[in-house]
Amino acid sequence: MAATKVTVRNNGPILIEGDFEIYDADGGQYGLAGRKVIALCRCGFSDNKPFCDGHHGVQGFESLCRAFNLPEPKPKT
């Protein structure tokens, strides 16, 4: 399986590239028709959730995300 790349776009969607599958909360799999790149909505305005349809640009969604290191996970008790 090839590596999957996830990119958080400033003021836009989350791009997923590579080999992946997407499921809804009930375990139903989305049919991606062989796509190797998709964009997931981050703004909540898409009429095609969970996929981006470009409404972030129309609605003026703003969110700048810069990479950082997460702290070590807390031990489970």
PDB file of N, CA and C in Angstrom:
ATOM      1  N   MET A   1       0.850  -1.186   0.000  1.00  0.00           N
ATOM      2  CA  MET A   1       0.000   0.000   0.000  1.00  0.00           C
ATOM      3  C   MET A   1       0.890   1.241   0.000  1.00  0.00           C
ATOM      4  N   ALA A   2       0.592   2.163  -0.857  1.00  0.00           N
ATOM      5  CA  ALA A   2       1.355   3.413  -0.949  1.00  0.00           C
ATOM      6  C   ALA A   2       1.031   4.302   0.248  1.00  0.00           C
ATOM      7  N   ALA A   3       1.926   5.197   0.552  1.00  0.00           N
ATOM      8  CA  ALA A   3       1.709   6.139   1.649  1.00  0.00           C
ATOM      9  C   ALA A   3       0.542   7.069   1.323  1.00  0.00           C
ATOM     10  N   THR A   4      -0.150   7.475   2.356  1.00  0.00           N
ATOM     11  CA  THR A   4      -1.235   8.432   2.214  1.00  0.00           C
ATOM     12  C   THR A   4      -0.752   9.773   2.748  1.00  0.00           C
ATOM     13  N   LYS A   5      -1.001  10.831   1.992  1.00  0.00           N
ATOM     14  CA  LYS A   5      -0.610  12.173   2.398  1.00  0.00           C
ATOM     15  C   LYS A   5      -1.864  12.972   2.716  1.00  0.00           C
ATOM     16  N   VAL A   6      -1.862  13.641   3.859  1.00  0.00           N
ATOM     17  CA  VAL A   6      -2.973  14.494   4.281  1.00  0.00           C
ATOM     18  C   VAL A   6      -2.430  15.912   4.409  1.00  0.00           C
ATOM     19  N   THR A   7      -3.082  16.863   3.708  1.00  0.00           N
ATOM     20  CA  THR A   7      -2.652  18.259   3.729  1.00  0.00           C
ATOM     21  C   THR A   7      -3.815  19.136   4.160  1.00  0.00           C
ATOM     22  N   VAL A   8      -3.602  19.940   5.204  1.00  0.00           N
ATOM     23  CA  VAL A   8      -4.612  20.899   5.652  1.00  0.00           C
ATOM     24  C   VAL A   8      -4.350  22.192   4.897  1.00  0.00           C
ATOM     25  N   ARG A   9      -5.276  22.550   4.022  1.00  0.00           N
ATOM     26  CA  ARG A   9      -5.116  23.757   3.204  1.00  0.00           C
ATOM     27  C   ARG A   9      -5.588  24.977   3.981  1.00  0.00           C
ATOM     28  N   ASN A  10      -4.787  26.037   3.977  1.00  0.00           N
ATOM     29  CA  ASN A  10      -5.215  27.275   4.619  1.00  0.00           C
ATOM     30  C   ASN A  10      -6.485  27.787   3.953  1.00  0.00           C
ATOM     31  N   ASN A  11      -7.451  28.161   4.778  1.00  0.00           N
ATOM     32  CA  ASN A  11      -8.735  28.711   4.304  1.00  0.00           C
ATOM     33  C   ASN A  11      -9.474  27.752   3.370  1.00  0.00           C
ATOM     34  N   GLY A  12      -9.200  26.466   3.479  1.00  0.00           N
ATOM     35  CA  GLY A  12      -9.831  25.510   2.579  1.00  0.00           C
ATOM     36  C   GLY A  12      -9.944  24.128   3.181  1.00  0.00           C
ATOM     37  N   PRO A  13     -10.037  23.122   2.315  1.00  0.00           N
ATOM     38  CA  PRO A  13     -10.319  21.757   2.750  1.00  0.00           C
ATOM     39  C   PRO A  13      -9.079  21.007   3.237  1.00  0.00           C
ATOM     40  N   ILE A  14      -9.324  19.771   3.643  1.00  0.00           N
ATOM     41  CA  ILE A  14      -8.269  18.813   3.942  1.00  0.00           C
ATOM     42  C   ILE A  14      -8.132  17.918   2.716  1.00  0.00           C
ATOM     43  N   LEU A  15      -6.949  17.903   2.114  1.00  0.00           N
ATOM     44  CA  LEU A  15      -6.694  17.050   0.950  1.00  0.00           C
ATOM     45  C   LEU A  15      -6.133  15.717   1.414  1.00  0.00           C
ATOM     46  N   ILE A  16      -6.639  14.641   0.828  1.00  0.00           N
ATOM     47  CA  ILE A  16      -6.122  13.305   1.084  1.00  0.00           C
ATOM     48  C   ILE A  16      -5.682  12.734  -0.252  1.00  0.00           C
ATOM     49  N   GLU A  17      -4.423  12.278  -0.304  1.00  0.00           N
ATOM     50  CA  GLU A  17      -3.853  11.742  -1.528  1.00  0.00           C
ATOM     51  C   GLU A  17      -3.238  10.373  -1.246  1.00  0.00           C
ATOM     52  N   GLY A  18      -3.443   9.428  -2.157  1.00  0.00           N
ATOM     53  CA  GLY A  18      -2.843   8.102  -2.019  1.00  0.00           C
ATOM     54  C   GLY A  18      -3.901   7.025  -2.026  1.00  0.00           C
ATOM     55  N   ASP A  19      -3.623   5.949  -1.300  1.00  0.00           N
ATOM     56  CA  ASP A  19      -4.570   4.843  -1.159  1.00  0.00           C
ATOM     57  C   ASP A  19      -5.290   4.989   0.168  1.00  0.00           C
ATOM     58  N   PHE A  20      -6.606   5.088   0.129  1.00  0.00           N
ATOM     59  CA  PHE A  20      -7.381   5.274   1.347  1.00  0.00           C
ATOM     60  C   PHE A  20      -8.814   4.844   1.103  1.00  0.00           C
ATOM     61  N   GLU A  21      -9.535   4.633   2.181  1.00  0.00           N
ATOM     62  CA  GLU A  21     -10.969   4.359   2.162  1.00  0.00           C
ATOM     63  C   GLU A  21     -11.613   5.303   3.160  1.00  0.00           C
ATOM     64  N   ILE A  22     -12.854   5.690   2.916  1.00  0.00           N
ATOM     65  CA  ILE A  22     -13.570   6.593   3.820  1.00  0.00           C
ATOM     66  C   ILE A  22     -14.894   5.935   4.191  1.00  0.00           C
ATOM     67  N   TYR A  23     -15.206   5.970   5.485  1.00  0.00           N
ATOM     68  CA  TYR A  23     -16.417   5.351   6.018  1.00  0.00           C
ATOM     69  C   TYR A  23     -17.232   6.380   6.794  1.00  0.00           C
ATOM     70  N   ASP A  24     -18.563   6.200   6.802  1.00  0.00           N
ATOM     71  CA  ASP A  24     -19.411   7.054   7.623  1.00  0.00           C
ATOM     72  C   ASP A  24     -19.476   6.496   9.041  1.00  0.00           C
ATOM     73  N   ALA A  25     -20.195   7.155   9.923  1.00  0.00           N
ATOM     74  CA  ALA A  25     -20.261   6.769  11.330  1.00  0.00           C
ATOM     75  C   ALA A  25     -20.881   5.394  11.539  1.00  0.00           C
ATOM     76  N   ASP A  26     -21.684   4.932  10.592  1.00  0.00           N
ATOM     77  CA  ASP A  26     -22.329   3.626  10.704  1.00  0.00           C
ATOM     78  C   ASP A  26     -21.522   2.509  10.042  1.00  0.00           C
ATOM     79  N   GLY A  27     -20.353   2.842   9.524  1.00  0.00           N
ATOM     80  CA  GLY A  27     -19.506   1.838   8.882  1.00  0.00           C
ATOM     81  C   GLY A  27     -19.735   1.689   7.396  1.00  0.00           C
ATOM     82  N   GLY A  28     -20.614   2.510   6.814  1.00  0.00           N
ATOM     83  CA  GLY A  28     -20.845   2.477   5.367  1.00  0.00           C
ATOM     84  C   GLY A  28     -19.685   3.109   4.629  1.00  0.00           C
ATOM     85  N   GLN A  29     -19.234   2.448   3.573  1.00  0.00           N
ATOM     86  CA  GLN A  29     -18.095   2.957   2.816  1.00  0.00           C
ATOM     87  C   GLN A  29     -18.553   3.868   1.687  1.00  0.00           C
ATOM     88  N   TYR A  30     -17.893   5.017   1.561  1.00  0.00           N
ATOM     89  CA  TYR A  30     -18.150   5.926   0.449  1.00  0.00           C
ATOM     90  C   TYR A  30     -17.518   5.351  -0.812  1.00  0.00           C
ATOM     91  N   GLY A  31     -18.250   5.402  -1.913  1.00  0.00           N
ATOM     92  CA  GLY A  31     -17.715   4.993  -3.202  1.00  0.00           C
ATOM     93  C   GLY A  31     -16.940   6.145  -3.816  1.00  0.00           C
ATOM     94  N   LEU A  32     -15.643   5.992  -3.929  1.00  0.00           N
ATOM     95  CA  LEU A  32     -14.791   7.078  -4.409  1.00  0.00           C
ATOM     96  C   LEU A  32     -14.471   6.975  -5.890  1.00  0.00           C
ATOM     97  N   ALA A  33     -15.022   5.973  -6.579  1.00  0.00           N
ATOM     98  CA  ALA A  33     -14.873   5.822  -8.035  1.00  0.00           C
ATOM     99  C   ALA A  33     -13.408   5.860  -8.473  1.00  0.00           C
ATOM    100  N   GLY A  34     -12.537   5.240  -7.675  1.00  0.00           N
ATOM    101  CA  GLY A  34     -11.143   5.140  -8.054  1.00  0.00           C
ATOM    102  C   GLY A  34     -10.303   6.378  -7.806  1.00  0.00           C
ATOM    103  N   ARG A  35     -10.877   7.399  -7.190  1.00  0.00           N
ATOM    104  CA  ARG A  35     -10.114   8.633  -6.947  1.00  0.00           C
ATOM    105  C   ARG A  35      -8.934   8.366  -6.006  1.00  0.00           C
ATOM    106  N   LYS A  36      -7.826   8.997  -6.292  1.00  0.00           N
ATOM    107  CA  LYS A  36      -6.624   8.929  -5.457  1.00  0.00           C
ATOM    108  C   LYS A  36      -6.372  10.256  -4.739  1.00  0.00           C
ATOM    109  N   VAL A  37      -7.192  11.268  -5.036  1.00  0.00           N
ATOM    110  CA  VAL A  37      -7.124  12.571  -4.365  1.00  0.00           C
ATOM    111  C   VAL A  37      -8.557  13.029  -4.110  1.00  0.00           C
ATOM    112  N   ILE A  38      -8.846  13.385  -2.867  1.00  0.00           N
ATOM    113  CA  ILE A  38     -10.153  13.961  -2.541  1.00  0.00           C
ATOM    114  C   ILE A  38      -9.934  15.113  -1.566  1.00  0.00           C
ATOM    115  N   ALA A  39     -10.934  15.977  -1.445  1.00  0.00           N
ATOM    116  CA  ALA A  39     -10.888  17.099  -0.512  1.00  0.00           C
ATOM    117  C   ALA A  39     -12.060  16.968   0.453  1.00  0.00           C
ATOM    118  N   LEU A  40     -11.765  16.980   1.742  1.00  0.00           N
ATOM    119  CA  LEU A  40     -12.797  16.919   2.770  1.00  0.00           C
ATOM    120  C   LEU A  40     -13.108  18.324   3.272  1.00  0.00           C
ATOM    121  N   CYS A  41     -14.397  18.606   3.421  1.00  0.00           N
ATOM    122  CA  CYS A  41     -14.857  19.910   3.895  1.00  0.00           C
ATOM    123  C   CYS A  41     -14.381  20.155   5.320  1.00  0.00           C
ATOM    124  N   ARG A  42     -13.907  21.352   5.562  1.00  0.00           N
ATOM    125  CA  ARG A  42     -13.470  21.780   6.887  1.00  0.00           C
ATOM    126  C   ARG A  42     -14.316  22.929   7.399  1.00  0.00           C
ATOM    127  N   CYS A  43     -15.016  23.624   6.499  1.00  0.00           N
ATOM    128  CA  CYS A  43     -15.742  24.827   6.885  1.00  0.00           C
ATOM    129  C   CYS A  43     -17.181  24.554   7.323  1.00  0.00           C
ATOM    130  N   GLY A  44     -17.738  23.426   6.881  1.00  0.00           N
ATOM    131  CA  GLY A  44     -19.117  23.093   7.223  1.00  0.00           C
ATOM    132  C   GLY A  44     -20.153  23.636   6.261  1.00  0.00           C
ATOM    133  N   PHE A  45     -19.751  24.354   5.229  1.00  0.00           N
ATOM    134  CA  PHE A  45     -20.695  24.968   4.299  1.00  0.00           C
ATOM    135  C   PHE A  45     -21.001  24.109   3.070  1.00  0.00           C
ATOM    136  N   SER A  46     -20.269  23.027   2.854  1.00  0.00           N
ATOM    137  CA  SER A  46     -20.440  22.208   1.658  1.00  0.00           C
ATOM    138  C   SER A  46     -21.832  21.587   1.584  1.00  0.00           C
ATOM    139  N   ASP A  47     -22.392  21.541   0.398  1.00  0.00           N
ATOM    140  CA  ASP A  47     -23.651  20.835   0.164  1.00  0.00           C
ATOM    141  C   ASP A  47     -23.391  19.361  -0.129  1.00  0.00           C
ATOM    142  N   ASN A  48     -22.133  18.955  -0.136  1.00  0.00           N
ATOM    143  CA  ASN A  48     -21.723  17.606  -0.507  1.00  0.00           C
ATOM    144  C   ASN A  48     -20.881  16.977   0.607  1.00  0.00           C
ATOM    145  N   LYS A  49     -21.176  17.313   1.882  1.00  0.00           N
ATOM    146  CA  LYS A  49     -20.389  16.808   3.007  1.00  0.00           C
ATOM    147  C   LYS A  49     -20.339  15.288   2.984  1.00  0.00           C
ATOM    148  N   PRO A  50     -19.218  14.698   3.311  1.00  0.00           N
ATOM    149  CA  PRO A  50     -18.047  15.299   3.922  1.00  0.00           C
ATOM    150  C   PRO A  50     -17.064  15.886   2.907  1.00  0.00           C
ATOM    151  N   PHE A  51     -17.433  15.893   1.630  1.00  0.00           N
ATOM    152  CA  PHE A  51     -16.519  16.353   0.585  1.00  0.00           C
ATOM    153  C   PHE A  51     -16.668  17.855   0.346  1.00  0.00           C
ATOM    154  N   CYS A  52     -15.565  18.489  -0.008  1.00  0.00           N
ATOM    155  CA  CYS A  52     -15.538  19.915  -0.286  1.00  0.00           C
ATOM    156  C   CYS A  52     -16.195  20.204  -1.636  1.00  0.00           C
ATOM    157  N   ASP A  53     -16.990  21.265  -1.690  1.00  0.00           N
ATOM    158  CA  ASP A  53     -17.563  21.697  -2.970  1.00  0.00           C
ATOM    159  C   ASP A  53     -17.208  23.148  -3.298  1.00  0.00           C
ATOM    160  N   GLY A  54     -16.276  23.725  -2.550  1.00  0.00           N
ATOM    161  CA  GLY A  54     -15.809  25.080  -2.837  1.00  0.00           C
ATOM    162  C   GLY A  54     -16.542  26.185  -2.107  1.00  0.00           C
ATOM    163  N   HIS A  55     -17.543  25.857  -1.293  1.00  0.00           N
ATOM    164  CA  HIS A  55     -18.294  26.894  -0.589  1.00  0.00           C
ATOM    165  C   HIS A  55     -17.454  27.677   0.418  1.00  0.00           C
ATOM    166  N   HIS A  56     -16.308  27.132   0.833  1.00  0.00           N
ATOM    167  CA  HIS A  56     -15.454  27.870   1.766  1.00  0.00           C
ATOM    168  C   HIS A  56     -15.042  29.214   1.173  1.00  0.00           C
ATOM    169  N   GLY A  57     -14.812  29.251  -0.130  1.00  0.00           N
ATOM    170  CA  GLY A  57     -14.423  30.494  -0.796  1.00  0.00           C
ATOM    171  C   GLY A  57     -15.557  31.487  -0.878  1.00  0.00           C
ATOM    172  N   VAL A  58     -16.761  30.998  -1.122  1.00  0.00           N
ATOM    173  CA  VAL A  58     -17.938  31.865  -1.225  1.00  0.00           C
ATOM    174  C   VAL A  58     -18.297  32.445   0.144  1.00  0.00           C
ATOM    175  N   GLN A  59     -18.166  31.617   1.182  1.00  0.00           N
ATOM    176  CA  GLN A  59     -18.562  32.024   2.529  1.00  0.00           C
ATOM    177  C   GLN A  59     -17.474  32.798   3.274  1.00  0.00           C
ATOM    178  N   GLY A  60     -16.268  32.832   2.723  1.00  0.00           N
ATOM    179  CA  GLY A  60     -15.185  33.569   3.377  1.00  0.00           C
ATOM    180  C   GLY A  60     -14.575  32.833   4.554  1.00  0.00           C
ATOM    181  N   PHE A  61     -14.592  31.496   4.518  1.00  0.00           N
ATOM    182  CA  PHE A  61     -13.996  30.697   5.586  1.00  0.00           C
ATOM    183  C   PHE A  61     -12.514  31.025   5.731  1.00  0.00           C
ATOM    184  N   GLU A  62     -12.081  31.241   6.967  1.00  0.00           N
ATOM    185  CA  GLU A  62     -10.674  31.531   7.232  1.00  0.00           C
ATOM    186  C   GLU A  62     -10.161  30.642   8.346  1.00  0.00           C
ATOM    187  N   SER A  63      -9.076  29.954   8.081  1.00  0.00           N
ATOM    188  CA  SER A  63      -8.417  29.138   9.098  1.00  0.00           C
ATOM    189  C   SER A  63      -7.009  28.853   8.617  1.00  0.00           C
ATOM    190  N   LEU A  64      -6.039  29.444   9.275  1.00  0.00           N
ATOM    191  CA  LEU A  64      -4.636  29.224   8.932  1.00  0.00           C
ATOM    192  C   LEU A  64      -4.080  28.159   9.869  1.00  0.00           C
ATOM    193  N   CYS A  65      -3.517  27.113   9.300  1.00  0.00           N
ATOM    194  CA  CYS A  65      -2.977  26.014  10.099  1.00  0.00           C
ATOM    195  C   CYS A  65      -1.510  25.817   9.762  1.00  0.00           C
ATOM    196  N   ARG A  66      -0.676  25.877  10.754  1.00  0.00           N
ATOM    197  CA  ARG A  66       0.760  25.647  10.596  1.00  0.00           C
ATOM    198  C   ARG A  66       1.126  24.380  11.350  1.00  0.00           C
ATOM    199  N   ALA A  67       2.049  23.612  10.817  1.00  0.00           N
ATOM    200  CA  ALA A  67       2.471  22.361  11.445  1.00  0.00           C
ATOM    201  C   ALA A  67       3.139  22.622  12.789  1.00  0.00           C
ATOM    202  N   PHE A  68       2.935  21.703  13.728  1.00  0.00           N
ATOM    203  CA  PHE A  68       3.577  21.746  15.037  1.00  0.00           C
ATOM    204  C   PHE A  68       3.660  20.325  15.567  1.00  0.00           C
ATOM    205  N   ASN A  69       4.435  20.133  16.603  1.00  0.00           N
ATOM    206  CA  ASN A  69       4.580  18.825  17.217  1.00  0.00           C
ATOM    207  C   ASN A  69       3.576  18.663  18.343  1.00  0.00           C
ATOM    208  N   LEU A  70       2.857  17.560  18.319  1.00  0.00           N
ATOM    209  CA  LEU A  70       1.933  17.249  19.411  1.00  0.00           C
ATOM    210  C   LEU A  70       2.721  16.766  20.616  1.00  0.00           C
ATOM    211  N   PRO A  71       2.196  16.972  21.828  1.00  0.00           N
ATOM    212  CA  PRO A  71       2.869  16.418  22.999  1.00  0.00           C
ATOM    213  C   PRO A  71       2.700  14.898  23.022  1.00  0.00           C
ATOM    214  N   GLU A  72       3.536  14.232  23.800  1.00  0.00           N
ATOM    215  CA  GLU A  72       3.423  12.781  23.943  1.00  0.00           C
ATOM    216  C   GLU A  72       2.024  12.433  24.465  1.00  0.00           C
ATOM    217  N   PRO A  73       1.445  11.327  24.004  1.00  0.00           N
ATOM    218  CA  PRO A  73       0.116  10.946  24.513  1.00  0.00           C
ATOM    219  C   PRO A  73       0.188  10.580  25.993  1.00  0.00           C
ATOM    220  N   LYS A  74      -0.893  10.886  26.683  1.00  0.00           N
ATOM    221  CA  LYS A  74      -0.972  10.533  28.102  1.00  0.00           C
ATOM    222  C   LYS A  74      -1.206   9.028  28.219  1.00  0.00           C
ATOM    223  N   PRO A  75      -0.602   8.389  29.205  1.00  0.00           N
ATOM    224  CA  PRO A  75      -0.814   6.951  29.370  1.00  0.00           C
ATOM    225  C   PRO A  75      -2.279   6.671  29.707  1.00  0.00           C
ATOM    226  N   LYS A  76      -2.773   5.569  29.164  1.00  0.00           N
ATOM    227  CA  LYS A  76      -4.147   5.168  29.475  1.00  0.00           C
ATOM    228  C   LYS A  76      -4.158   4.482  30.831  1.00  0.00           C
ATOM    229  N   THR A  77      -5.159   4.818  31.627  1.00  0.00           N
ATOM    230  CA  THR A  77      -5.225   4.227  32.981  1.00  0.00           C
ATOM    231  C   THR A  77      -6.280   3.166  33.065  1.00  0.00           C
TER     232      THR A  77
END
